[in-house]
């Protein structure tokens, strides 16, 4: 009997190599697609935490100022916009939102994307308790694109109902809204 080599060589076939490359490509594609979504989700989680920090700082302000909110009289029916640069221009122990930003938030109130948060303070324009606040700034937040100038909207005399704000019977209640990068609006109230 003749024993011999029938032409079989050790190694991988073209089909096996193609299959391994295809599986590797699918894994790479899944990571490539999932990673940005994961990062976006982490940034939005940080933004939700920053809203909670803002609410805690407002509570601290109230404790230090006999239950008063910063500059409620300056808001009246007008919108007050506060950012880090105009907060630095306030002098003395101010009871305005600019003084609150400077004294309680310092320069550490920064969005995960790197820019400072801007506060927009408005009063709820609803006529009755539990009615939807009709202020156009808060109402149109869902229609605005991210990052919306890193704007946190503080709605005075309001509470959250989902991602919307409704009129509160308590004048010291307030709601904070923020347009998230992923999708939707986050709202939390004091």
N, C-alpha and C. Protein backbone atom coordinates (compact mmCIF):
# COMPACT_ATOMS: atom_id res chain seq x y z
N UNK A 1 0.83 -1.15 0.00
CA UNK A 1 0.00 0.00 0.00
C UNK A 1 0.89 1.23 0.00
N UNK A 2 0.52 2.16 -0.81
CA UNK A 2 1.32 3.38 -0.92
C UNK A 2 0.70 4.45 -0.04
N UNK A 3 1.52 4.96 0.80
CA UNK A 3 1.06 6.08 1.63
C UNK A 3 1.67 7.34 1.07
N UNK A 4 0.85 8.34 0.96
CA UNK A 4 1.38 9.56 0.38
C UNK A 4 0.56 10.78 0.77
N UNK A 5 1.01 11.87 0.34
CA UNK A 5 0.35 13.15 0.59
C UNK A 5 -0.61 13.39 -0.55
N UNK A 6 -1.86 13.50 -0.24
CA UNK A 6 -2.88 13.69 -1.27
C UNK A 6 -3.14 15.16 -1.59
N UNK A 7 -2.26 16.06 -1.32
CA UNK A 7 -2.40 17.46 -1.65
C UNK A 7 -3.05 18.31 -0.56
N UNK A 8 -3.30 17.71 0.59
CA UNK A 8 -3.87 18.51 1.68
C UNK A 8 -2.76 19.27 2.37
N UNK A 9 -3.01 20.57 2.56
CA UNK A 9 -2.04 21.40 3.27
C UNK A 9 -2.68 21.94 4.53
N UNK A 10 -1.87 22.13 5.51
CA UNK A 10 -2.37 22.70 6.74
C UNK A 10 -2.60 24.20 6.54
N UNK A 11 -3.71 24.74 7.13
CA UNK A 11 -4.02 26.16 7.02
C UNK A 11 -5.52 26.38 7.00
N UNK A 12 -5.89 27.62 6.79
CA UNK A 12 -7.31 27.99 6.76
C UNK A 12 -7.77 28.12 5.32
N UNK A 13 -9.03 27.83 5.12
CA UNK A 13 -9.60 28.01 3.78
C UNK A 13 -10.05 29.45 3.63
N UNK A 14 -10.31 29.84 2.43
CA UNK A 14 -10.78 31.19 2.12
C UNK A 14 -12.11 31.45 2.82
N UNK A 15 -12.96 30.46 2.90
CA UNK A 15 -14.27 30.61 3.54
C UNK A 15 -14.09 30.87 5.04
N UNK A 16 -13.17 30.14 5.67
CA UNK A 16 -12.94 30.34 7.10
C UNK A 16 -12.39 31.74 7.39
N UNK A 17 -11.46 32.19 6.59
CA UNK A 17 -10.88 33.52 6.77
C UNK A 17 -11.95 34.59 6.53
N UNK A 18 -12.77 34.41 5.51
CA UNK A 18 -13.84 35.37 5.22
C UNK A 18 -14.84 35.44 6.36
N UNK A 19 -15.17 34.29 6.91
CA UNK A 19 -16.11 34.24 8.02
C UNK A 19 -15.57 34.98 9.24
N UNK A 20 -14.31 34.78 9.58
CA UNK A 20 -13.69 35.46 10.71
C UNK A 20 -13.66 36.97 10.47
N UNK A 21 -13.31 37.39 9.27
CA UNK A 21 -13.29 38.83 8.95
C UNK A 21 -14.69 39.43 9.03
N UNK A 22 -15.68 38.72 8.57
CA UNK A 22 -17.05 39.22 8.62
C UNK A 22 -17.51 39.39 10.07
N UNK A 23 -17.23 38.41 10.91
CA UNK A 23 -17.61 38.51 12.32
C UNK A 23 -16.87 39.66 12.99
N UNK A 24 -15.59 39.81 12.71
CA UNK A 24 -14.81 40.93 13.25
C UNK A 24 -15.37 42.26 12.79
N UNK A 25 -15.76 42.35 11.53
CA UNK A 25 -16.35 43.58 11.00
C UNK A 25 -17.67 43.92 11.68
N UNK A 26 -18.49 42.91 11.94
CA UNK A 26 -19.76 43.15 12.63
C UNK A 26 -19.54 43.64 14.05
N UNK A 27 -18.57 43.06 14.74
CA UNK A 27 -18.25 43.50 16.10
C UNK A 27 -17.75 44.94 16.07
N UNK A 28 -16.87 45.27 15.15
CA UNK A 28 -16.36 46.63 15.02
C UNK A 28 -17.50 47.60 14.72
N UNK A 29 -18.40 47.24 13.82
CA UNK A 29 -19.53 48.08 13.46
C UNK A 29 -20.44 48.32 14.66
N UNK A 30 -20.70 47.28 15.44
CA UNK A 30 -21.56 47.43 16.62
C UNK A 30 -20.93 48.37 17.63
N UNK A 31 -19.63 48.26 17.85
CA UNK A 31 -18.93 49.15 18.77
C UNK A 31 -18.93 50.57 18.22
N UNK A 32 -18.70 50.71 16.94
CA UNK A 32 -18.66 52.01 16.30
C UNK A 32 -20.01 52.72 16.40
N UNK A 33 -21.10 51.99 16.33
CA UNK A 33 -22.44 52.57 16.42
C UNK A 33 -22.83 52.80 17.87
N UNK A 34 -22.51 51.89 18.77
CA UNK A 34 -22.95 51.97 20.16
C UNK A 34 -22.15 52.97 20.99
N UNK A 35 -20.90 53.18 20.69
CA UNK A 35 -20.05 54.03 21.51
C UNK A 35 -20.55 55.48 21.57
N UNK A 36 -20.85 56.13 20.45
CA UNK A 36 -21.36 57.51 20.54
C UNK A 36 -22.66 57.61 21.33
N UNK A 37 -23.55 56.63 21.18
CA UNK A 37 -24.81 56.65 21.94
C UNK A 37 -24.53 56.51 23.43
N UNK A 38 -23.58 55.66 23.79
CA UNK A 38 -23.21 55.49 25.19
C UNK A 38 -22.62 56.78 25.76
N UNK A 39 -21.75 57.42 25.00
CA UNK A 39 -21.15 58.67 25.45
C UNK A 39 -22.21 59.77 25.61
N UNK A 40 -23.14 59.85 24.66
CA UNK A 40 -24.23 60.83 24.72
C UNK A 40 -25.08 60.58 25.97
N UNK A 41 -25.36 59.32 26.25
CA UNK A 41 -26.15 58.95 27.42
C UNK A 41 -25.43 59.35 28.71
N UNK A 42 -24.12 59.16 28.76
CA UNK A 42 -23.35 59.55 29.94
C UNK A 42 -23.36 61.06 30.14
N UNK A 43 -23.25 61.83 29.04
CA UNK A 43 -23.30 63.29 29.16
C UNK A 43 -24.68 63.74 29.64
N UNK A 44 -25.75 63.11 29.14
CA UNK A 44 -27.10 63.47 29.58
C UNK A 44 -27.32 63.12 31.04
N UNK A 45 -26.75 62.02 31.51
CA UNK A 45 -26.83 61.68 32.93
C UNK A 45 -26.14 62.74 33.76
N UNK A 46 -25.02 63.22 33.30
CA UNK A 46 -24.30 64.30 34.01
C UNK A 46 -25.14 65.57 34.03
N UNK A 47 -25.84 65.86 32.94
CA UNK A 47 -26.69 67.05 32.89
C UNK A 47 -27.86 66.94 33.88
N UNK A 48 -28.44 65.75 33.97
CA UNK A 48 -29.51 65.53 34.97
C UNK A 48 -28.96 65.75 36.38
N UNK A 49 -27.76 65.26 36.63
CA UNK A 49 -27.12 65.47 37.93
C UNK A 49 -26.89 66.97 38.18
N UNK A 50 -26.51 67.70 37.14
CA UNK A 50 -26.28 69.14 37.28
C UNK A 50 -27.58 69.89 37.60
N UNK A 51 -28.70 69.44 37.06
CA UNK A 51 -30.00 70.04 37.41
C UNK A 51 -30.26 69.81 38.90
N UNK A 52 -29.98 68.60 39.38
CA UNK A 52 -30.16 68.30 40.80
C UNK A 52 -29.23 69.17 41.67
N UNK A 53 -28.01 69.38 41.21
CA UNK A 53 -27.07 70.24 41.94
C UNK A 53 -27.61 71.66 41.99
N UNK A 54 -28.14 72.15 40.88
CA UNK A 54 -28.72 73.49 40.85
C UNK A 54 -29.86 73.60 41.86
N UNK A 55 -30.73 72.61 41.91
CA UNK A 55 -31.84 72.63 42.86
C UNK A 55 -31.33 72.63 44.31
N UNK A 56 -30.28 71.86 44.57
CA UNK A 56 -29.69 71.84 45.92
C UNK A 56 -29.10 73.20 46.28
N UNK A 57 -28.45 73.85 45.32
CA UNK A 57 -27.88 75.18 45.57
C UNK A 57 -28.98 76.20 45.83
N UNK A 58 -30.10 76.07 45.13
CA UNK A 58 -31.23 76.98 45.37
C UNK A 58 -31.79 76.76 46.77
N UNK A 59 -31.89 75.49 47.20
CA UNK A 59 -32.33 75.18 48.57
C UNK A 59 -31.38 75.82 49.59
N UNK A 60 -30.08 75.71 49.34
CA UNK A 60 -29.09 76.32 50.24
C UNK A 60 -29.28 77.83 50.29
N UNK A 61 -29.52 78.44 49.14
CA UNK A 61 -29.75 79.88 49.09
C UNK A 61 -30.97 80.24 49.94
N UNK A 62 -32.06 79.46 49.79
CA UNK A 62 -33.27 79.73 50.57
C UNK A 62 -33.01 79.63 52.07
N UNK A 63 -32.26 78.62 52.48
CA UNK A 63 -31.93 78.46 53.91
C UNK A 63 -31.16 79.65 54.44
N UNK A 64 -30.25 80.17 53.62
CA UNK A 64 -29.41 81.29 54.03
C UNK A 64 -30.12 82.64 53.93
N UNK A 65 -31.27 82.69 53.28
CA UNK A 65 -31.96 83.96 53.04
C UNK A 65 -33.43 83.92 53.48
N UNK A 66 -33.69 83.25 54.58
CA UNK A 66 -35.01 83.20 55.21
C UNK A 66 -36.11 82.74 54.25
N UNK A 67 -35.81 81.75 53.43
CA UNK A 67 -36.81 81.17 52.55
C UNK A 67 -37.06 81.92 51.27
N UNK A 68 -36.32 82.97 51.01
CA UNK A 68 -36.53 83.77 49.79
C UNK A 68 -35.73 83.18 48.62
N UNK A 69 -36.33 83.24 47.46
CA UNK A 69 -35.63 82.86 46.24
C UNK A 69 -34.81 84.05 45.75
N UNK A 70 -33.76 83.81 45.00
CA UNK A 70 -32.99 84.94 44.48
C UNK A 70 -33.81 85.77 43.51
N UNK A 71 -33.76 87.08 43.67
CA UNK A 71 -34.31 88.03 42.72
C UNK A 71 -35.67 87.75 42.13
N UNK A 72 -36.62 87.29 42.91
CA UNK A 72 -37.95 87.01 42.36
C UNK A 72 -38.59 88.27 41.80
N UNK A 73 -38.31 89.41 42.42
CA UNK A 73 -38.91 90.66 41.94
C UNK A 73 -38.33 91.10 40.61
N UNK A 74 -37.09 90.72 40.32
CA UNK A 74 -36.49 91.15 39.05
C UNK A 74 -37.05 90.39 37.86
N UNK A 75 -37.72 89.26 38.12
CA UNK A 75 -38.26 88.47 37.02
C UNK A 75 -39.59 89.04 36.56
N UNK A 76 -40.50 89.35 37.48
CA UNK A 76 -41.86 89.81 37.20
C UNK A 76 -42.40 89.09 35.97
N UNK A 77 -42.67 89.79 34.90
CA UNK A 77 -43.13 89.13 33.67
C UNK A 77 -42.02 89.03 32.64
N UNK A 78 -40.87 89.59 32.96
CA UNK A 78 -39.75 89.57 32.02
C UNK A 78 -38.89 88.33 32.22
N UNK A 79 -38.11 88.03 31.23
CA UNK A 79 -37.17 86.92 31.30
C UNK A 79 -35.82 87.47 31.75
N UNK A 80 -35.18 86.77 32.68
CA UNK A 80 -33.85 87.16 33.13
C UNK A 80 -32.88 86.10 32.63
N UNK A 81 -31.84 86.52 31.93
CA UNK A 81 -30.81 85.61 31.45
C UNK A 81 -29.55 85.82 32.27
N UNK A 82 -29.00 84.72 32.78
CA UNK A 82 -27.82 84.79 33.64
C UNK A 82 -26.79 83.81 33.10
N UNK A 83 -25.56 84.31 32.94
CA UNK A 83 -24.45 83.43 32.56
C UNK A 83 -23.24 83.80 33.40
N UNK A 84 -22.19 83.04 33.26
CA UNK A 84 -21.02 83.24 34.11
C UNK A 84 -20.40 84.61 33.92
N UNK A 85 -20.34 85.11 32.69
CA UNK A 85 -19.68 86.41 32.47
C UNK A 85 -20.48 87.55 33.09
N UNK A 86 -21.83 87.55 32.98
CA UNK A 86 -22.55 88.67 33.61
C UNK A 86 -22.71 88.47 35.11
N UNK A 87 -22.53 87.25 35.61
CA UNK A 87 -22.54 87.03 37.06
C UNK A 87 -21.28 87.60 37.70
N UNK A 88 -20.17 87.58 36.97
CA UNK A 88 -18.93 88.14 37.50
C UNK A 88 -19.01 89.65 37.68
N UNK A 89 -19.87 90.29 36.91
CA UNK A 89 -19.99 91.75 36.96
C UNK A 89 -20.86 92.24 38.11
N UNK A 90 -21.44 91.33 38.89
CA UNK A 90 -22.23 91.75 40.04
C UNK A 90 -21.29 92.09 41.19
N UNK A 91 -21.72 93.01 42.02
CA UNK A 91 -20.87 93.42 43.13
C UNK A 91 -21.63 93.25 44.44
N UNK A 92 -20.89 93.04 45.51
CA UNK A 92 -21.49 92.95 46.83
C UNK A 92 -22.27 91.66 47.04
N UNK A 93 -23.02 91.64 48.15
CA UNK A 93 -23.82 90.48 48.50
C UNK A 93 -25.20 90.65 47.87
N UNK A 94 -25.31 90.33 46.61
CA UNK A 94 -26.54 90.57 45.86
C UNK A 94 -27.55 89.46 46.08
N UNK A 95 -28.81 89.83 46.03
CA UNK A 95 -29.89 88.86 46.14
C UNK A 95 -30.55 88.62 44.79
N UNK A 96 -29.82 88.86 43.73
CA UNK A 96 -30.33 88.64 42.38
C UNK A 96 -29.89 87.26 41.90
N UNK A 97 -30.43 86.85 40.77
CA UNK A 97 -30.01 85.58 40.18
C UNK A 97 -28.55 85.64 39.74
N UNK A 98 -28.08 86.81 39.34
CA UNK A 98 -26.67 86.94 38.97
C UNK A 98 -25.78 86.74 40.19
N UNK A 99 -26.18 87.31 41.33
CA UNK A 99 -25.44 87.11 42.56
C UNK A 99 -25.48 85.66 43.01
N UNK A 100 -26.64 85.01 42.84
CA UNK A 100 -26.76 83.59 43.16
C UNK A 100 -25.79 82.77 42.32
N UNK A 101 -25.76 83.03 41.02
CA UNK A 101 -24.87 82.29 40.11
C UNK A 101 -23.42 82.46 40.56
N UNK A 102 -23.04 83.70 40.83
CA UNK A 102 -21.65 83.98 41.22
C UNK A 102 -21.30 83.34 42.55
N UNK A 103 -22.18 83.48 43.56
CA UNK A 103 -21.84 83.06 44.92
C UNK A 103 -22.07 81.57 45.18
N UNK A 104 -23.06 80.97 44.51
CA UNK A 104 -23.41 79.58 44.82
C UNK A 104 -22.94 78.58 43.75
N UNK A 105 -22.87 79.00 42.52
CA UNK A 105 -22.47 78.08 41.46
C UNK A 105 -21.01 78.22 41.09
N UNK A 106 -20.44 79.36 41.41
CA UNK A 106 -19.04 79.64 41.11
C UNK A 106 -18.75 79.41 39.63
N UNK A 107 -17.51 79.09 39.31
CA UNK A 107 -17.15 78.86 37.91
C UNK A 107 -17.12 77.37 37.58
N UNK A 108 -17.69 76.55 38.45
CA UNK A 108 -17.65 75.10 38.24
C UNK A 108 -18.92 74.55 37.61
N UNK A 109 -19.86 75.40 37.30
CA UNK A 109 -21.14 74.96 36.76
C UNK A 109 -21.01 74.86 35.25
N UNK A 110 -20.40 73.76 34.78
CA UNK A 110 -20.01 73.61 33.38
C UNK A 110 -20.70 72.38 32.78
N UNK A 111 -21.22 72.55 31.58
CA UNK A 111 -21.83 71.46 30.83
C UNK A 111 -20.75 70.44 30.46
N UNK A 112 -21.09 69.15 30.36
CA UNK A 112 -20.09 68.14 29.98
C UNK A 112 -19.42 68.41 28.63
N UNK A 113 -20.06 69.19 27.78
CA UNK A 113 -19.45 69.52 26.49
C UNK A 113 -18.41 70.63 26.64
N UNK A 114 -18.33 71.26 27.82
CA UNK A 114 -17.27 72.23 28.07
C UNK A 114 -17.73 73.65 28.29
N UNK A 115 -18.90 74.05 27.85
CA UNK A 115 -19.36 75.43 28.02
C UNK A 115 -20.09 75.62 29.33
N UNK A 116 -20.05 76.85 29.86
CA UNK A 116 -20.79 77.16 31.08
C UNK A 116 -22.29 77.09 30.81
N UNK A 117 -23.04 76.68 31.82
CA UNK A 117 -24.49 76.71 31.72
C UNK A 117 -24.98 78.15 31.76
N UNK A 118 -26.05 78.42 31.04
CA UNK A 118 -26.72 79.71 31.08
C UNK A 118 -28.10 79.48 31.69
N UNK A 119 -28.47 80.33 32.63
CA UNK A 119 -29.77 80.23 33.27
C UNK A 119 -30.73 81.22 32.63
N UNK A 120 -31.93 80.78 32.35
CA UNK A 120 -33.00 81.66 31.92
C UNK A 120 -34.11 81.50 32.94
N UNK A 121 -34.46 82.61 33.62
CA UNK A 121 -35.46 82.55 34.66
C UNK A 121 -36.73 83.22 34.14
N UNK A 122 -37.85 82.49 34.23
CA UNK A 122 -39.14 83.01 33.77
C UNK A 122 -40.19 82.67 34.83
N UNK A 123 -41.30 83.40 34.78
CA UNK A 123 -42.44 83.05 35.64
C UNK A 123 -43.42 82.25 34.83
N UNK A 124 -44.09 81.33 35.50
CA UNK A 124 -45.12 80.54 34.84
C UNK A 124 -46.26 81.48 34.46
N UNK A 125 -46.71 81.39 33.23
CA UNK A 125 -47.76 82.28 32.76
C UNK A 125 -49.14 81.67 32.77
N UNK A 126 -49.30 80.55 33.48
CA UNK A 126 -50.62 79.89 33.50
C UNK A 126 -51.59 80.67 34.37
N UNK A 127 -52.85 80.55 34.05
CA UNK A 127 -53.88 81.28 34.78
C UNK A 127 -54.34 80.56 36.04
N UNK A 128 -54.24 79.24 36.07
CA UNK A 128 -54.76 78.48 37.21
C UNK A 128 -53.77 77.40 37.63
N UNK A 129 -53.90 76.96 38.88
CA UNK A 129 -53.06 75.88 39.40
C UNK A 129 -53.23 74.62 38.56
N UNK A 130 -52.14 73.92 38.35
CA UNK A 130 -52.07 72.70 37.54
C UNK A 130 -52.32 72.93 36.06
N UNK A 131 -52.34 74.19 35.62
CA UNK A 131 -52.44 74.48 34.18
C UNK A 131 -51.05 74.54 33.59
N UNK A 132 -50.94 74.18 32.33
CA UNK A 132 -49.66 74.19 31.62
C UNK A 132 -49.11 75.61 31.58
N UNK A 133 -47.84 75.77 31.95
CA UNK A 133 -47.21 77.09 31.87
C UNK A 133 -47.11 77.48 30.41
N UNK A 134 -47.53 78.68 30.10
CA UNK A 134 -47.62 79.09 28.70
C UNK A 134 -46.45 79.96 28.25
N UNK A 135 -45.43 80.10 29.10
CA UNK A 135 -44.30 80.91 28.69
C UNK A 135 -43.65 80.27 27.47
N UNK A 136 -43.45 81.04 26.43
CA UNK A 136 -42.97 80.49 25.16
C UNK A 136 -41.57 79.88 25.26
N UNK A 137 -40.73 80.40 26.13
CA UNK A 137 -39.38 79.86 26.26
C UNK A 137 -39.42 78.43 26.77
N UNK A 138 -40.20 78.20 27.82
CA UNK A 138 -40.30 76.86 28.38
C UNK A 138 -41.11 75.94 27.47
N UNK A 139 -42.16 76.46 26.87
CA UNK A 139 -43.03 75.63 26.05
C UNK A 139 -42.34 75.16 24.77
N UNK A 140 -41.47 75.95 24.23
CA UNK A 140 -40.81 75.61 22.96
C UNK A 140 -39.49 74.87 23.14
N UNK A 141 -39.15 74.52 24.36
CA UNK A 141 -37.87 73.87 24.61
C UNK A 141 -37.75 72.55 23.86
N UNK A 142 -38.84 71.79 23.76
CA UNK A 142 -38.80 70.51 23.05
C UNK A 142 -38.52 70.68 21.56
N UNK A 143 -38.90 71.82 21.00
CA UNK A 143 -38.71 72.06 19.58
C UNK A 143 -37.33 72.63 19.25
N UNK A 144 -36.58 73.00 20.27
CA UNK A 144 -35.25 73.57 20.04
C UNK A 144 -34.23 72.46 19.91
N UNK A 145 -33.20 72.72 19.13
CA UNK A 145 -32.17 71.71 18.94
C UNK A 145 -31.10 71.85 20.03
N UNK A 146 -30.46 70.73 20.32
CA UNK A 146 -29.37 70.73 21.27
C UNK A 146 -28.17 71.40 20.62
N UNK A 147 -27.34 72.19 21.30
CA UNK A 147 -27.25 72.37 22.73
C UNK A 147 -28.05 73.55 23.27
N UNK A 148 -28.71 74.31 22.42
CA UNK A 148 -29.60 75.36 22.91
C UNK A 148 -28.85 76.34 23.80
N UNK A 149 -27.58 76.57 23.52
CA UNK A 149 -26.79 77.51 24.31
C UNK A 149 -26.54 77.06 25.74
N UNK A 150 -26.60 75.74 25.99
CA UNK A 150 -26.44 75.20 27.35
C UNK A 150 -27.39 75.90 28.33
N UNK A 151 -28.60 76.14 27.88
CA UNK A 151 -29.57 76.92 28.65
C UNK A 151 -30.41 76.03 29.57
N UNK A 152 -30.34 76.33 30.88
CA UNK A 152 -31.24 75.74 31.85
C UNK A 152 -32.34 76.75 32.10
N UNK A 153 -33.58 76.33 31.98
CA UNK A 153 -34.69 77.24 32.18
C UNK A 153 -35.28 76.99 33.56
N UNK A 154 -35.32 78.04 34.37
CA UNK A 154 -35.93 77.98 35.70
C UNK A 154 -37.29 78.65 35.58
N UNK A 155 -38.34 77.88 35.84
CA UNK A 155 -39.70 78.41 35.77
C UNK A 155 -40.19 78.59 37.19
N UNK A 156 -40.42 79.85 37.57
CA UNK A 156 -40.86 80.16 38.93
C UNK A 156 -42.34 79.86 39.10
N UNK A 157 -42.73 79.50 40.30
CA UNK A 157 -44.09 79.14 40.70
C UNK A 157 -44.64 78.04 39.80
N UNK A 158 -43.83 76.98 39.61
CA UNK A 158 -44.20 75.86 38.75
C UNK A 158 -43.64 74.56 39.31
N UNK A 159 -44.22 73.47 38.90
CA UNK A 159 -43.69 72.14 39.18
C UNK A 159 -43.67 71.36 37.87
N UNK A 160 -42.97 70.24 37.89
CA UNK A 160 -42.85 69.43 36.68
C UNK A 160 -44.00 68.43 36.59
N UNK A 161 -44.44 68.24 35.38
CA UNK A 161 -45.40 67.18 35.06
C UNK A 161 -44.87 66.54 33.80
N UNK A 162 -44.07 65.47 33.98
CA UNK A 162 -43.35 64.88 32.85
C UNK A 162 -42.24 65.82 32.43
N UNK A 163 -42.21 66.16 31.17
CA UNK A 163 -41.21 67.10 30.67
C UNK A 163 -41.76 68.51 30.52
N UNK A 164 -42.95 68.75 31.04
CA UNK A 164 -43.61 70.06 30.98
C UNK A 164 -43.66 70.66 32.38
N UNK A 165 -43.98 71.94 32.46
CA UNK A 165 -44.18 72.59 33.74
C UNK A 165 -45.63 73.02 33.86
N UNK A 166 -46.14 72.95 35.09
CA UNK A 166 -47.51 73.39 35.38
C UNK A 166 -47.47 74.37 36.54
N UNK A 167 -48.46 75.25 36.56
CA UNK A 167 -48.58 76.27 37.60
C UNK A 167 -48.72 75.61 38.97
N UNK A 168 -48.01 76.15 39.96
CA UNK A 168 -48.08 75.66 41.33
C UNK A 168 -48.79 76.69 42.19
N UNK A 169 -49.50 76.22 43.21
CA UNK A 169 -50.16 77.15 44.12
C UNK A 169 -49.15 77.76 45.11
N UNK A 170 -48.00 77.12 45.27
CA UNK A 170 -46.97 77.62 46.18
C UNK A 170 -46.03 78.54 45.41
N UNK A 171 -45.94 79.81 45.79
CA UNK A 171 -45.08 80.74 45.05
C UNK A 171 -43.59 80.44 45.17
N UNK A 172 -43.19 79.58 46.14
CA UNK A 172 -41.78 79.26 46.30
C UNK A 172 -41.37 78.02 45.52
N UNK A 173 -42.31 77.37 44.84
CA UNK A 173 -41.95 76.24 43.99
C UNK A 173 -41.31 76.74 42.71
N UNK A 174 -40.42 75.94 42.18
CA UNK A 174 -39.84 76.24 40.87
C UNK A 174 -39.46 74.94 40.19
N UNK A 175 -39.40 75.01 38.88
CA UNK A 175 -39.02 73.85 38.07
C UNK A 175 -37.83 74.22 37.21
N UNK A 176 -36.94 73.27 37.00
CA UNK A 176 -35.77 73.48 36.13
C UNK A 176 -35.89 72.53 34.96
N UNK A 177 -35.75 73.08 33.76
CA UNK A 177 -35.85 72.29 32.52
C UNK A 177 -34.54 72.39 31.76
N UNK A 178 -34.18 71.28 31.10
CA UNK A 178 -32.98 71.29 30.27
C UNK A 178 -33.19 70.39 29.06
N UNK A 179 -32.84 70.87 27.89
CA UNK A 179 -32.93 70.10 26.65
C UNK A 179 -31.75 69.16 26.60
N UNK A 180 -32.03 67.85 26.56
CA UNK A 180 -30.97 66.85 26.55
C UNK A 180 -30.42 66.63 25.15
N UNK A 181 -29.21 66.14 25.10
CA UNK A 181 -28.54 65.87 23.83
C UNK A 181 -29.16 64.67 23.12
N UNK A 182 -29.46 63.62 23.90
CA UNK A 182 -30.03 62.41 23.32
C UNK A 182 -31.39 62.67 22.73
N UNK A 183 -32.34 62.99 23.58
CA UNK A 183 -33.68 63.31 23.12
C UNK A 183 -34.50 63.77 24.31
N UNK A 184 -35.41 64.66 24.05
CA UNK A 184 -36.35 65.07 25.07
C UNK A 184 -35.85 66.17 25.98
N UNK A 185 -36.72 66.52 26.93
CA UNK A 185 -36.46 67.56 27.89
C UNK A 185 -36.51 66.94 29.28
N UNK A 186 -35.54 67.28 30.10
CA UNK A 186 -35.53 66.81 31.48
C UNK A 186 -36.06 67.93 32.36
N UNK A 187 -36.98 67.59 33.24
CA UNK A 187 -37.58 68.58 34.13
C UNK A 187 -37.56 68.02 35.55
N UNK A 188 -37.16 68.85 36.50
CA UNK A 188 -37.19 68.46 37.90
C UNK A 188 -37.57 69.71 38.70
N UNK A 189 -38.29 69.52 39.79
CA UNK A 189 -38.79 70.69 40.52
C UNK A 189 -38.41 70.64 41.99
N UNK A 190 -38.48 71.80 42.59
CA UNK A 190 -38.13 72.01 43.99
C UNK A 190 -39.41 72.08 44.80
